[in-house]
Amino acid sequence: MSTKDSIVACLMVPTKLIDDLCDEYCVDFSESDVCYMLNCCAGDCFHKHHYRDFGGMLVLLVMCEIVDKYTDVLDEDKFDYDINGAYSAIIYDGVRIESKQQLDEIYNRMLERNLTYNN
């Protein structure tokens, strides 16, 4: 099973956002507690009935790691999380973000705006 499959199976959250982001970021999780938990729960110790407590927390941790990568340009205070099973999403400035492309578009728009202001 690939790392991506492990994460998705482990979280039991087939969200577009998590799915999009796993390939790009899971390597960066390798030294973190998040990865330790992902590896753990991808094994026998994870059971479906733990999802609400354990899976939800993991989704949040993964999202926090992801958000951390965008906060050099985006305002951290504008991020929120909607942890809701298959419909989990990151919310930025009131907008539900359900794909990496969406997050990148906002990031690039703000980056361009910042560059314009700074020049």
PDB file of N, CA and C in Angstrom:
ATOM      1  N   MET A   1       0.855  -1.193   0.000  1.00  0.00           N
ATOM      2  CA  MET A   1       0.000   0.000   0.000  1.00  0.00           C
ATOM      3  C   MET A   1       0.891   1.243   0.000  1.00  0.00           C
ATOM      4  N   SER A   2       0.601   2.179  -0.860  1.00  0.00           N
ATOM      5  CA  SER A   2       1.420   3.391  -0.905  1.00  0.00           C
ATOM      6  C   SER A   2       1.101   4.265   0.305  1.00  0.00           C
ATOM      7  N   THR A   3       1.966   5.226   0.547  1.00  0.00           N
ATOM      8  CA  THR A   3       1.733   6.145   1.665  1.00  0.00           C
ATOM      9  C   THR A   3       0.400   6.848   1.485  1.00  0.00           C
ATOM     10  N   LYS A   4       0.128   7.254   0.246  1.00  0.00           N
ATOM     11  CA  LYS A   4      -1.133   7.948  -0.037  1.00  0.00           C
ATOM     12  C   LYS A   4      -2.313   7.051   0.318  1.00  0.00           C
ATOM     13  N   ASP A   5      -2.263   5.780  -0.119  1.00  0.00           N
ATOM     14  CA  ASP A   5      -3.349   4.848   0.195  1.00  0.00           C
ATOM     15  C   ASP A   5      -3.483   4.670   1.700  1.00  0.00           C
ATOM     16  N   SER A   6      -2.345   4.594   2.383  1.00  0.00           N
ATOM     17  CA  SER A   6      -2.369   4.419   3.838  1.00  0.00           C
ATOM     18  C   SER A   6      -3.073   5.585   4.500  1.00  0.00           C
ATOM     19  N   ILE A   7      -2.711   6.787   4.043  1.00  0.00           N
ATOM     20  CA  ILE A   7      -3.308   7.978   4.646  1.00  0.00           C
ATOM     21  C   ILE A   7      -4.809   7.988   4.404  1.00  0.00           C
ATOM     22  N   VAL A   8      -5.202   7.723   3.170  1.00  0.00           N
ATOM     23  CA  VAL A   8      -6.629   7.779   2.846  1.00  0.00           C
ATOM     24  C   VAL A   8      -7.385   6.684   3.583  1.00  0.00           C
ATOM     25  N   ALA A   9      -6.824   5.469   3.595  1.00  0.00           N
ATOM     26  CA  ALA A   9      -7.487   4.360   4.288  1.00  0.00           C
ATOM     27  C   ALA A   9      -7.573   4.667   5.775  1.00  0.00           C
ATOM     28  N   CYS A  10      -6.476   5.212   6.280  1.00  0.00           N
ATOM     29  CA  CYS A  10      -6.390   5.485   7.697  1.00  0.00           C
ATOM     30  C   CYS A  10      -7.379   6.557   8.121  1.00  0.00           C
ATOM     31  N   LEU A  11      -7.452   7.615   7.352  1.00  0.00           N
ATOM     32  CA  LEU A  11      -8.350   8.702   7.716  1.00  0.00           C
ATOM     33  C   LEU A  11      -9.798   8.343   7.457  1.00  0.00           C
ATOM     34  N   MET A  12      -9.995   7.411   6.504  1.00  0.00           N
ATOM     35  CA  MET A  12     -11.351   7.071   6.086  1.00  0.00           C
ATOM     36  C   MET A  12     -12.084   8.320   5.642  1.00  0.00           C
ATOM     37  N   VAL A  13     -11.368   9.218   5.052  1.00  0.00           N
ATOM     38  CA  VAL A  13     -11.941  10.464   4.567  1.00  0.00           C
ATOM     39  C   VAL A  13     -11.492  10.634   3.126  1.00  0.00           C
ATOM     40  N   PRO A  14     -12.300  10.189   2.174  1.00  0.00           N
ATOM     41  CA  PRO A  14     -11.889  10.283   0.777  1.00  0.00           C
ATOM     42  C   PRO A  14     -12.142  11.678   0.218  1.00  0.00           C
ATOM     43  N   THR A  15     -11.685  12.694   0.932  1.00  0.00           N
ATOM     44  CA  THR A  15     -11.951  14.046   0.443  1.00  0.00           C
ATOM     45  C   THR A  15     -11.010  14.367  -0.697  1.00  0.00           C
ATOM     46  N   LYS A  16     -11.499  15.167  -1.619  1.00  0.00           N
ATOM     47  CA  LYS A  16     -10.688  15.607  -2.749  1.00  0.00           C
ATOM     48  C   LYS A  16      -9.454  16.346  -2.235  1.00  0.00           C
ATOM     49  N   LEU A  17      -9.658  17.167  -1.228  1.00  0.00           N
ATOM     50  CA  LEU A  17      -8.561  17.978  -0.718  1.00  0.00           C
ATOM     51  C   LEU A  17      -7.445  17.114  -0.148  1.00  0.00           C
ATOM     52  N   ILE A  18      -7.793  16.210   0.755  1.00  0.00           N
ATOM     53  CA  ILE A  18      -6.768  15.352   1.361  1.00  0.00           C
ATOM     54  C   ILE A  18      -6.111  14.524   0.269  1.00  0.00           C
ATOM     55  N   ASP A  19      -6.921  13.994  -0.628  1.00  0.00           N
ATOM     56  CA  ASP A  19      -6.407  13.161  -1.713  1.00  0.00           C
ATOM     57  C   ASP A  19      -5.414  13.944  -2.576  1.00  0.00           C
ATOM     58  N   ASP A  20      -5.783  15.164  -2.950  1.00  0.00           N
ATOM     59  CA  ASP A  20      -4.911  16.022  -3.766  1.00  0.00           C
ATOM     60  C   ASP A  20      -3.591  16.299  -3.069  1.00  0.00           C
ATOM     61  N   LEU A  21      -3.668  16.503  -1.755  1.00  0.00           N
ATOM     62  CA  LEU A  21      -2.503  16.987  -1.032  1.00  0.00           C
ATOM     63  C   LEU A  21      -1.568  15.885  -0.556  1.00  0.00           C
ATOM     64  N   CYS A  22      -2.066  14.677  -0.438  1.00  0.00           N
ATOM     65  CA  CYS A  22      -1.245  13.591   0.104  1.00  0.00           C
ATOM     66  C   CYS A  22       0.045  13.403  -0.670  1.00  0.00           C
ATOM     67  N   ASP A  23      -0.063  13.293  -1.982  1.00  0.00           N
ATOM     68  CA  ASP A  23       1.129  13.040  -2.796  1.00  0.00           C
ATOM     69  C   ASP A  23       2.176  14.122  -2.583  1.00  0.00           C
ATOM     70  N   GLU A  24       1.710  15.357  -2.546  1.00  0.00           N
ATOM     71  CA  GLU A  24       2.648  16.467  -2.473  1.00  0.00           C
ATOM     72  C   GLU A  24       3.297  16.615  -1.104  1.00  0.00           C
ATOM     73  N   TYR A  25       2.531  16.339  -0.044  1.00  0.00           N
ATOM     74  CA  TYR A  25       3.038  16.676   1.279  1.00  0.00           C
ATOM     75  C   TYR A  25       3.396  15.511   2.181  1.00  0.00           C
ATOM     76  N   CYS A  26       2.992  14.291   1.860  1.00  0.00           N
ATOM     77  CA  CYS A  26       3.191  13.228   2.846  1.00  0.00           C
ATOM     78  C   CYS A  26       4.665  12.978   3.133  1.00  0.00           C
ATOM     79  N   VAL A  27       5.540  13.257   2.181  1.00  0.00           N
ATOM     80  CA  VAL A  27       6.976  13.107   2.423  1.00  0.00           C
ATOM     81  C   VAL A  27       7.400  14.020   3.572  1.00  0.00           C
ATOM     82  N   ASP A  28       6.848  15.223   3.593  1.00  0.00           N
ATOM     83  CA  ASP A  28       7.211  16.182   4.638  1.00  0.00           C
ATOM     84  C   ASP A  28       6.712  15.778   6.021  1.00  0.00           C
ATOM     85  N   PHE A  29       5.769  14.857   6.073  1.00  0.00           N
ATOM     86  CA  PHE A  29       5.249  14.433   7.373  1.00  0.00           C
ATOM     87  C   PHE A  29       6.134  13.366   8.017  1.00  0.00           C
ATOM     88  N   SER A  30       7.136  12.864   7.288  1.00  0.00           N
ATOM     89  CA  SER A  30       7.832  11.662   7.742  1.00  0.00           C
ATOM     90  C   SER A  30       8.494  11.820   9.111  1.00  0.00           C
ATOM     91  N   GLU A  31       8.911  13.026   9.456  1.00  0.00           N
ATOM     92  CA  GLU A  31       9.583  13.215  10.744  1.00  0.00           C
ATOM     93  C   GLU A  31       8.618  13.654  11.849  1.00  0.00           C
ATOM     94  N   SER A  32       7.360  13.803  11.502  1.00  0.00           N
ATOM     95  CA  SER A  32       6.434  14.400  12.471  1.00  0.00           C
ATOM     96  C   SER A  32       5.568  13.369  13.175  1.00  0.00           C
ATOM     97  N   ASP A  33       4.925  13.809  14.232  1.00  0.00           N
ATOM     98  CA  ASP A  33       3.986  12.954  14.963  1.00  0.00           C
ATOM     99  C   ASP A  33       2.840  12.540  14.064  1.00  0.00           C
ATOM    100  N   VAL A  34       2.474  13.427  13.141  1.00  0.00           N
ATOM    101  CA  VAL A  34       1.368  13.117  12.238  1.00  0.00           C
ATOM    102  C   VAL A  34       1.677  11.832  11.491  1.00  0.00           C
ATOM    103  N   CYS A  35       2.896  11.758  10.958  1.00  0.00           N
ATOM    104  CA  CYS A  35       3.254  10.584  10.171  1.00  0.00           C
ATOM    105  C   CYS A  35       3.291   9.340  11.043  1.00  0.00           C
ATOM    106  N   TYR A  36       3.791   9.488  12.249  1.00  0.00           N
ATOM    107  CA  TYR A  36       3.824   8.348  13.164  1.00  0.00           C
ATOM    108  C   TYR A  36       2.405   7.819  13.369  1.00  0.00           C
ATOM    109  N   MET A  37       1.472   8.732  13.592  1.00  0.00           N
ATOM    110  CA  MET A  37       0.086   8.312  13.812  1.00  0.00           C
ATOM    111  C   MET A  37      -0.522   7.738  12.543  1.00  0.00           C
ATOM    112  N   LEU A  38      -0.190   8.346  11.395  1.00  0.00           N
ATOM    113  CA  LEU A  38      -0.710   7.817  10.138  1.00  0.00           C
ATOM    114  C   LEU A  38      -0.215   6.396   9.931  1.00  0.00           C
ATOM    115  N   ASN A  39       1.079   6.178  10.179  1.00  0.00           N
ATOM    116  CA  ASN A  39       1.634   4.839  10.007  1.00  0.00           C
ATOM    117  C   ASN A  39       1.002   3.866  10.982  1.00  0.00           C
ATOM    118  N   CYS A  40       0.801   4.331  12.196  1.00  0.00           N
ATOM    119  CA  CYS A  40       0.202   3.486  13.221  1.00  0.00           C
ATOM    120  C   CYS A  40      -1.212   3.102  12.824  1.00  0.00           C
ATOM    121  N   CYS A  41      -2.018   4.089  12.489  1.00  0.00           N
ATOM    122  CA  CYS A  41      -3.421   3.776  12.273  1.00  0.00           C
ATOM    123  C   CYS A  41      -3.666   3.131  10.923  1.00  0.00           C
ATOM    124  N   ALA A  42      -2.672   3.176  10.037  1.00  0.00           N
ATOM    125  CA  ALA A  42      -2.827   2.458   8.771  1.00  0.00           C
ATOM    126  C   ALA A  42      -2.667   0.959   9.010  1.00  0.00           C
ATOM    127  N   GLY A  43      -2.133   0.608  10.179  1.00  0.00           N
ATOM    128  CA  GLY A  43      -1.954  -0.802  10.533  1.00  0.00           C
ATOM    129  C   GLY A  43      -3.151  -1.345  11.282  1.00  0.00           C
ATOM    130  N   ASP A  44      -2.939  -2.461  11.975  1.00  0.00           N
ATOM    131  CA  ASP A  44      -4.038  -3.169  12.638  1.00  0.00           C
ATOM    132  C   ASP A  44      -4.639  -2.397  13.801  1.00  0.00           C
ATOM    133  N   CYS A  45      -3.886  -1.440  14.347  1.00  0.00           N
ATOM    134  CA  CYS A  45      -4.393  -0.788  15.560  1.00  0.00           C
ATOM    135  C   CYS A  45      -5.523   0.191  15.265  1.00  0.00           C
ATOM    136  N   PHE A  46      -5.759   0.472  13.979  1.00  0.00           N
ATOM    137  CA  PHE A  46      -6.845   1.398  13.656  1.00  0.00           C
ATOM    138  C   PHE A  46      -8.109   0.627  13.316  1.00  0.00           C
ATOM    139  N   HIS A  47      -9.195   0.987  13.954  1.00  0.00           N
ATOM    140  CA  HIS A  47     -10.480   0.349  13.670  1.00  0.00           C
ATOM    141  C   HIS A  47     -11.482   1.435  13.321  1.00  0.00           C
ATOM    142  N   LYS A  48     -12.409   1.058  12.510  1.00  0.00           N
ATOM    143  CA  LYS A  48     -13.345   2.048  11.982  1.00  0.00           C
ATOM    144  C   LYS A  48     -14.040   2.841  13.092  1.00  0.00           C
ATOM    145  N   HIS A  49     -14.363   2.182  14.201  1.00  0.00           N
ATOM    146  CA  HIS A  49     -15.115   2.893  15.237  1.00  0.00           C
ATOM    147  C   HIS A  49     -14.275   3.947  15.963  1.00  0.00           C
ATOM    148  N   HIS A  50     -12.963   3.973  15.713  1.00  0.00           N
ATOM    149  CA  HIS A  50     -12.144   5.028  16.303  1.00  0.00           C
ATOM    150  C   HIS A  50     -12.181   6.298  15.465  1.00  0.00           C
ATOM    151  N   TYR A  51     -12.813   6.219  14.311  1.00  0.00           N
ATOM    152  CA  TYR A  51     -12.715   7.340  13.366  1.00  0.00           C
ATOM    153  C   TYR A  51     -13.088   8.687  13.982  1.00  0.00           C
ATOM    154  N   ARG A  52     -14.208   8.715  14.675  1.00  0.00           N
ATOM    155  CA  ARG A  52     -14.704  10.025  15.118  1.00  0.00           C
ATOM    156  C   ARG A  52     -13.670  10.750  15.980  1.00  0.00           C
ATOM    157  N   ASP A  53     -13.040  10.014  16.906  1.00  0.00           N
ATOM    158  CA  ASP A  53     -12.066  10.657  17.786  1.00  0.00           C
ATOM    159  C   ASP A  53     -10.703  10.779  17.117  1.00  0.00           C
ATOM    160  N   PHE A  54     -10.266   9.667  16.549  1.00  0.00           N
ATOM    161  CA  PHE A  54      -8.884   9.585  16.101  1.00  0.00           C
ATOM    162  C   PHE A  54      -8.729  10.108  14.682  1.00  0.00           C
ATOM    163  N   GLY A  55      -9.608   9.666  13.791  1.00  0.00           N
ATOM    164  CA  GLY A  55      -9.532  10.088  12.394  1.00  0.00           C
ATOM    165  C   GLY A  55      -9.741  11.577  12.240  1.00  0.00           C
ATOM    166  N   GLY A  56     -10.719  12.117  12.953  1.00  0.00           N
ATOM    167  CA  GLY A  56     -10.992  13.552  12.867  1.00  0.00           C
ATOM    168  C   GLY A  56      -9.795  14.370  13.304  1.00  0.00           C
ATOM    169  N   MET A  57      -9.139  13.899  14.371  1.00  0.00           N
ATOM    170  CA  MET A  57      -7.953  14.592  14.864  1.00  0.00           C
ATOM    171  C   MET A  57      -6.840  14.542  13.813  1.00  0.00           C
ATOM    172  N   LEU A  58      -6.697  13.402  13.157  1.00  0.00           N
ATOM    173  CA  LEU A  58      -5.668  13.265  12.125  1.00  0.00           C
ATOM    174  C   LEU A  58      -5.942  14.177  10.945  1.00  0.00           C
ATOM    175  N   VAL A  59      -7.196  14.247  10.532  1.00  0.00           N
ATOM    176  CA  VAL A  59      -7.546  15.137   9.420  1.00  0.00           C
ATOM    177  C   VAL A  59      -7.138  16.555   9.797  1.00  0.00           C
ATOM    178  N   LEU A  60      -7.453  16.932  11.024  1.00  0.00           N
ATOM    179  CA  LEU A  60      -7.123  18.281  11.476  1.00  0.00           C
ATOM    180  C   LEU A  60      -5.612  18.494  11.481  1.00  0.00           C
ATOM    181  N   LEU A  61      -4.861  17.514  11.977  1.00  0.00           N
ATOM    182  CA  LEU A  61      -3.402  17.640  12.012  1.00  0.00           C
ATOM    183  C   LEU A  61      -2.819  17.749  10.611  1.00  0.00           C
ATOM    184  N   VAL A  62      -3.326  16.919   9.711  1.00  0.00           N
ATOM    185  CA  VAL A  62      -2.841  16.959   8.330  1.00  0.00           C
ATOM    186  C   VAL A  62      -3.153  18.322   7.727  1.00  0.00           C
ATOM    187  N   MET A  63      -4.378  18.808   7.963  1.00  0.00           N
ATOM    188  CA  MET A  63      -4.760  20.115   7.427  1.00  0.00           C
ATOM    189  C   MET A  63      -3.892  21.220   8.019  1.00  0.00           C
ATOM    190  N   CYS A  64      -3.585  21.110   9.309  1.00  0.00           N
ATOM    191  CA  CYS A  64      -2.732  22.125   9.945  1.00  0.00           C
ATOM    192  C   CYS A  64      -1.355  22.150   9.302  1.00  0.00           C
ATOM    193  N   GLU A  65      -0.816  20.967   9.027  1.00  0.00           N
ATOM    194  CA  GLU A  65       0.499  20.877   8.370  1.00  0.00           C
ATOM    195  C   GLU A  65       0.433  21.538   6.990  1.00  0.00           C
ATOM    196  N   ILE A  66      -0.665  21.278   6.288  1.00  0.00           N
ATOM    197  CA  ILE A  66      -0.846  21.825   4.941  1.00  0.00           C
ATOM    198  C   ILE A  66      -0.940  23.352   5.013  1.00  0.00           C
ATOM    199  N   VAL A  67      -1.796  23.831   5.903  1.00  0.00           N
ATOM    200  CA  VAL A  67      -2.016  25.273   6.041  1.00  0.00           C
ATOM    201  C   VAL A  67      -0.705  25.975   6.371  1.00  0.00           C
ATOM    202  N   ASP A  68       0.101  25.321   7.202  1.00  0.00           N
ATOM    203  CA  ASP A  68       1.379  25.885   7.612  1.00  0.00           C
ATOM    204  C   ASP A  68       2.249  26.241   6.402  1.00  0.00           C
ATOM    205  N   LYS A  69       2.094  25.495   5.327  1.00  0.00           N
ATOM    206  CA  LYS A  69       2.913  25.711   4.130  1.00  0.00           C
ATOM    207  C   LYS A  69       2.449  26.932   3.326  1.00  0.00           C
ATOM    208  N   TYR A  70       1.259  27.431   3.636  1.00  0.00           N
ATOM    209  CA  TYR A  70       0.727  28.564   2.873  1.00  0.00           C
ATOM    210  C   TYR A  70       0.776  29.874   3.656  1.00  0.00           C
ATOM    211  N   THR A  71       1.127  29.816   4.933  1.00  0.00           N
ATOM    212  CA  THR A  71       0.974  31.009   5.775  1.00  0.00           C
ATOM    213  C   THR A  71       2.081  32.042   5.598  1.00  0.00           C
ATOM    214  N   ASP A  72       3.059  31.764   4.728  1.00  0.00           N
ATOM    215  CA  ASP A  72       4.025  32.823   4.428  1.00  0.00           C
ATOM    216  C   ASP A  72       3.341  33.942   3.639  1.00  0.00           C
ATOM    217  N   VAL A  73       2.258  33.603   2.952  1.00  0.00           N
ATOM    218  CA  VAL A  73       1.535  34.583   2.134  1.00  0.00           C
ATOM    219  C   VAL A  73       0.105  34.786   2.645  1.00  0.00           C
ATOM    220  N   LEU A  74      -0.533  33.708   3.067  1.00  0.00           N
ATOM    221  CA  LEU A  74      -1.927  33.805   3.513  1.00  0.00           C
ATOM    222  C   LEU A  74      -1.988  34.061   5.019  1.00  0.00           C
ATOM    223  N   ASP A  75      -3.054  34.719   5.444  1.00  0.00           N
ATOM    224  CA  ASP A  75      -3.234  35.098   6.841  1.00  0.00           C
ATOM    225  C   ASP A  75      -3.728  33.903   7.657  1.00  0.00           C
ATOM    226  N   GLU A  76      -2.899  33.479   8.594  1.00  0.00           N
ATOM    227  CA  GLU A  76      -3.221  32.293   9.399  1.00  0.00           C
ATOM    228  C   GLU A  76      -4.562  32.429  10.121  1.00  0.00           C
ATOM    229  N   ASP A  77      -4.884  33.646  10.562  1.00  0.00           N
ATOM    230  CA  ASP A  77      -6.125  33.868  11.307  1.00  0.00           C
ATOM    231  C   ASP A  77      -7.380  33.669  10.461  1.00  0.00           C
ATOM    232  N   LYS A  78      -7.224  33.670   9.139  1.00  0.00           N
ATOM    233  CA  LYS A  78      -8.391  33.509   8.269  1.00  0.00           C
ATOM    234  C   LYS A  78      -8.691  32.043   7.960  1.00  0.00           C
ATOM    235  N   PHE A  79      -7.817  31.130   8.407  1.00  0.00           N
ATOM    236  CA  PHE A  79      -8.045  29.707   8.162  1.00  0.00           C
ATOM    237  C   PHE A  79      -8.951  29.110   9.227  1.00  0.00           C
ATOM    238  N   ASP A  80      -9.832  28.228   8.785  1.00  0.00           N
ATOM    239  CA  ASP A  80     -10.668  27.471   9.712  1.00  0.00           C
ATOM    240  C   ASP A  80     -10.786  26.067   9.127  1.00  0.00           C
ATOM    241  N   TYR A  81     -11.335  25.153   9.898  1.00  0.00           N
ATOM    242  CA  TYR A  81     -11.434  23.768   9.451  1.00  0.00           C
ATOM    243  C   TYR A  81     -12.853  23.265   9.652  1.00  0.00           C
ATOM    244  N   ASP A  82     -13.335  22.537   8.672  1.00  0.00           N
ATOM    245  CA  ASP A  82     -14.628  21.878   8.813  1.00  0.00           C
ATOM    246  C   ASP A  82     -14.342  20.387   8.742  1.00  0.00           C
ATOM    247  N   ILE A  83     -14.278  19.745   9.892  1.00  0.00           N
ATOM    248  CA  ILE A  83     -13.966  18.320   9.936  1.00  0.00           C
ATOM    249  C   ILE A  83     -15.285  17.570   9.962  1.00  0.00           C
ATOM    250  N   ASN A  84     -15.651  17.016   8.829  1.00  0.00           N
ATOM    251  CA  ASN A  84     -16.969  16.408   8.714  1.00  0.00           C
ATOM    252  C   ASN A  84     -16.909  15.236   7.735  1.00  0.00           C
ATOM    253  N   GLY A  85     -16.237  14.168   8.168  1.00  0.00           N
ATOM    254  CA  GLY A  85     -16.179  12.957   7.354  1.00  0.00           C
ATOM    255  C   GLY A  85     -15.719  13.224   5.944  1.00  0.00           C
ATOM    256  N   ALA A  86     -16.452  12.704   4.991  1.00  0.00           N
ATOM    257  CA  ALA A  86     -16.062  12.810   3.581  1.00  0.00           C
ATOM    258  C   ALA A  86     -16.131  14.240   3.062  1.00  0.00           C
ATOM    259  N   TYR A  87     -16.742  15.129   3.836  1.00  0.00           N
ATOM    260  CA  TYR A  87     -16.891  16.510   3.369  1.00  0.00           C
ATOM    261  C   TYR A  87     -15.946  17.465   4.086  1.00  0.00           C
ATOM    262  N   SER A  88     -14.910  16.937   4.725  1.00  0.00           N
ATOM    263  CA  SER A  88     -13.957  17.793   5.424  1.00  0.00           C
ATOM    264  C   SER A  88     -13.345  18.800   4.460  1.00  0.00           C
ATOM    265  N   ALA A  89     -13.110  19.992   4.967  1.00  0.00           N
ATOM    266  CA  ALA A  89     -12.522  21.027   4.115  1.00  0.00           C
ATOM    267  C   ALA A  89     -11.750  22.015   4.968  1.00  0.00           C
ATOM    268  N   ILE A  90     -10.840  22.710   4.313  1.00  0.00           N
ATOM    269  CA  ILE A  90     -10.207  23.875   4.918  1.00  0.00           C
ATOM    270  C   ILE A  90     -11.048  25.066   4.471  1.00  0.00           C
ATOM    271  N   ILE A  91     -11.254  26.010   5.370  1.00  0.00           N
ATOM    272  CA  ILE A  91     -11.995  27.219   5.019  1.00  0.00           C
ATOM    273  C   ILE A  91     -11.019  28.382   5.129  1.00  0.00           C
ATOM    274  N   TYR A  92     -10.948  29.192   4.081  1.00  0.00           N
ATOM    275  CA  TYR A  92     -10.077  30.371   4.136  1.00  0.00           C
ATOM    276  C   TYR A  92     -10.900  31.607   3.834  1.00  0.00           C
ATOM    277  N   ASP A  93     -10.922  32.505   4.803  1.00  0.00           N
ATOM    278  CA  ASP A  93     -11.645  33.765   4.640  1.00  0.00           C
ATOM    279  C   ASP A  93     -13.095  33.508   4.224  1.00  0.00           C
ATOM    280  N   GLY A  94     -13.697  32.499   4.848  1.00  0.00           N
ATOM    281  CA  GLY A  94     -15.101  32.187   4.598  1.00  0.00           C
ATOM    282  C   GLY A  94     -15.360  31.319   3.380  1.00  0.00           C
ATOM    283  N   VAL A  95     -14.311  30.993   2.610  1.00  0.00           N
ATOM    284  CA  VAL A  95     -14.485  30.185   1.396  1.00  0.00           C
ATOM    285  C   VAL A  95     -14.063  28.748   1.678  1.00  0.00           C
ATOM    286  N   ARG A  96     -14.964  27.807   1.354  1.00  0.00           N
ATOM    287  CA  ARG A  96     -14.650  26.377   1.516  1.00  0.00           C
ATOM    288  C   ARG A  96     -13.664  25.949   0.443  1.00  0.00           C
ATOM    289  N   ILE A  97     -12.565  25.357   0.863  1.00  0.00           N
ATOM    290  CA  ILE A  97     -11.546  24.918  -0.087  1.00  0.00           C
ATOM    291  C   ILE A  97     -11.538  23.400  -0.109  1.00  0.00           C
ATOM    292  N   GLU A  98     -11.890  22.847  -1.256  1.00  0.00           N
ATOM    293  CA  GLU A  98     -12.027  21.400  -1.337  1.00  0.00           C
ATOM    294  C   GLU A  98     -11.051  20.764  -2.320  1.00  0.00           C
ATOM    295  N   SER A  99     -10.139  21.559  -2.871  1.00  0.00           N
ATOM    296  CA  SER A  99      -9.112  20.969  -3.740  1.00  0.00           C
ATOM    297  C   SER A  99      -7.829  21.773  -3.605  1.00  0.00           C
ATOM    298  N   LYS A 100      -6.735  21.126  -3.911  1.00  0.00           N
ATOM    299  CA  LYS A 100      -5.441  21.800  -3.840  1.00  0.00           C
ATOM    300  C   LYS A 100      -5.392  22.945  -4.852  1.00  0.00           C
ATOM    301  N   GLN A 101      -6.003  22.735  -6.004  1.00  0.00           N
ATOM    302  CA  GLN A 101      -6.012  23.765  -7.047  1.00  0.00           C
ATOM    303  C   GLN A 101      -6.623  25.068  -6.511  1.00  0.00           C
ATOM    304  N   GLN A 102      -7.724  24.934  -5.777  1.00  0.00           N
ATOM    305  CA  GLN A 102      -8.388  26.098  -5.184  1.00  0.00           C
ATOM    306  C   GLN A 102      -7.454  26.836  -4.224  1.00  0.00           C
ATOM    307  N   LEU A 103      -6.773  26.051  -3.375  1.00  0.00           N
ATOM    308  CA  LEU A 103      -5.864  26.639  -2.396  1.00  0.00           C
ATOM    309  C   LEU A 103      -4.702  27.327  -3.111  1.00  0.00           C
ATOM    310  N   ASP A 104      -4.181  26.686  -4.146  1.00  0.00           N
ATOM    311  CA  ASP A 104      -3.080  27.273  -4.922  1.00  0.00           C
ATOM    312  C   ASP A 104      -3.505  28.563  -5.619  1.00  0.00           C
ATOM    313  N   GLU A 105      -4.739  28.590  -6.132  1.00  0.00           N
ATOM    314  CA  GLU A 105      -5.232  29.794  -6.819  1.00  0.00           C
ATOM    315  C   GLU A 105      -5.283  30.980  -5.859  1.00  0.00           C
ATOM    316  N   ILE A 106      -5.803  30.745  -4.667  1.00  0.00           N
ATOM    317  CA  ILE A 106      -5.875  31.812  -3.660  1.00  0.00           C
ATOM    318  C   ILE A 106      -4.461  32.254  -3.288  1.00  0.00           C
ATOM    319  N   TYR A 107      -3.601  31.274  -3.073  1.00  0.00           N
ATOM    320  CA  TYR A 107      -2.212  31.553  -2.697  1.00  0.00           C
ATOM    321  C   TYR A 107      -1.515  32.398  -3.773  1.00  0.00           C
ATOM    322  N   ASN A 108      -1.641  31.979  -5.024  1.00  0.00           N
ATOM    323  CA  ASN A 108      -0.977  32.685  -6.124  1.00  0.00           C
ATOM    324  C   ASN A 108      -1.526  34.098  -6.312  1.00  0.00           C
ATOM    325  N   ARG A 109      -2.853  34.237  -6.130  1.00  0.00           N
ATOM    326  CA  ARG A 109      -3.483  35.557  -6.244  1.00  0.00           C
ATOM    327  C   ARG A 109      -2.919  36.501  -5.168  1.00  0.00           C
ATOM    328  N   MET A 110      -2.826  35.985  -3.939  1.00  0.00           N
ATOM    329  CA  MET A 110      -2.313  36.799  -2.841  1.00  0.00           C
ATOM    330  C   MET A 110      -0.827  37.093  -3.031  1.00  0.00           C
ATOM    331  N   LEU A 111      -0.102  36.119  -3.544  1.00  0.00           N
ATOM    332  CA  LEU A 111       1.332  36.293  -3.803  1.00  0.00           C
ATOM    333  C   LEU A 111       1.545  37.415  -4.823  1.00  0.00           C
ATOM    334  N   GLU A 112       0.758  37.378  -5.897  1.00  0.00           N
ATOM    335  CA  GLU A 112       0.849  38.427  -6.929  1.00  0.00           C
ATOM    336  C   GLU A 112       0.498  39.791  -6.342  1.00  0.00           C
ATOM    337  N   ARG A 113      -0.546  39.811  -5.528  1.00  0.00           N
ATOM    338  CA  ARG A 113      -0.978  41.070  -4.913  1.00  0.00           C
ATOM    339  C   ARG A 113       0.132  41.619  -4.006  1.00  0.00           C
ATOM    340  N   ASN A 114       0.734  40.733  -3.219  1.00  0.00           N
ATOM    341  CA  ASN A 114       1.818  41.147  -2.318  1.00  0.00           C
ATOM    342  C   ASN A 114       3.017  41.678  -3.096  1.00  0.00           C
ATOM    343  N   LEU A 115       3.339  41.003  -4.204  1.00  0.00           N
ATOM    344  CA  LEU A 115       4.471  41.445  -5.027  1.00  0.00           C
ATOM    345  C   LEU A 115       4.185  42.810  -5.640  1.00  0.00           C
ATOM    346  N   THR A 116       2.926  43.015  -6.050  1.00  0.00           N
ATOM    347  CA  THR A 116       2.525  44.299  -6.637  1.00  0.00           C
ATOM    348  C   THR A 116       2.651  45.410  -5.597  1.00  0.00           C
ATOM    349  N   TYR A 117       2.168  45.133  -4.367  1.00  0.00           N
ATOM    350  CA  TYR A 117       2.233  46.137  -3.302  1.00  0.00           C
ATOM    351  C   TYR A 117       3.672  46.463  -2.926  1.00  0.00           C
ATOM    352  N   ASN A 118       4.527  45.460  -2.956  1.00  0.00           N
ATOM    353  CA  ASN A 118       5.898  45.645  -2.486  1.00  0.00           C
ATOM    354  C   ASN A 118       6.807  46.316  -3.511  1.00  0.00           C
ATOM    355  N   ASN A 119       6.361  46.377  -4.773  1.00  0.00           N
ATOM    356  CA  ASN A 119       7.228  46.967  -5.812  1.00  0.00           C
ATOM    357  C   ASN A 119       6.842  48.402  -6.128  1.00  0.00           C
TER     358      ASN A 119
END
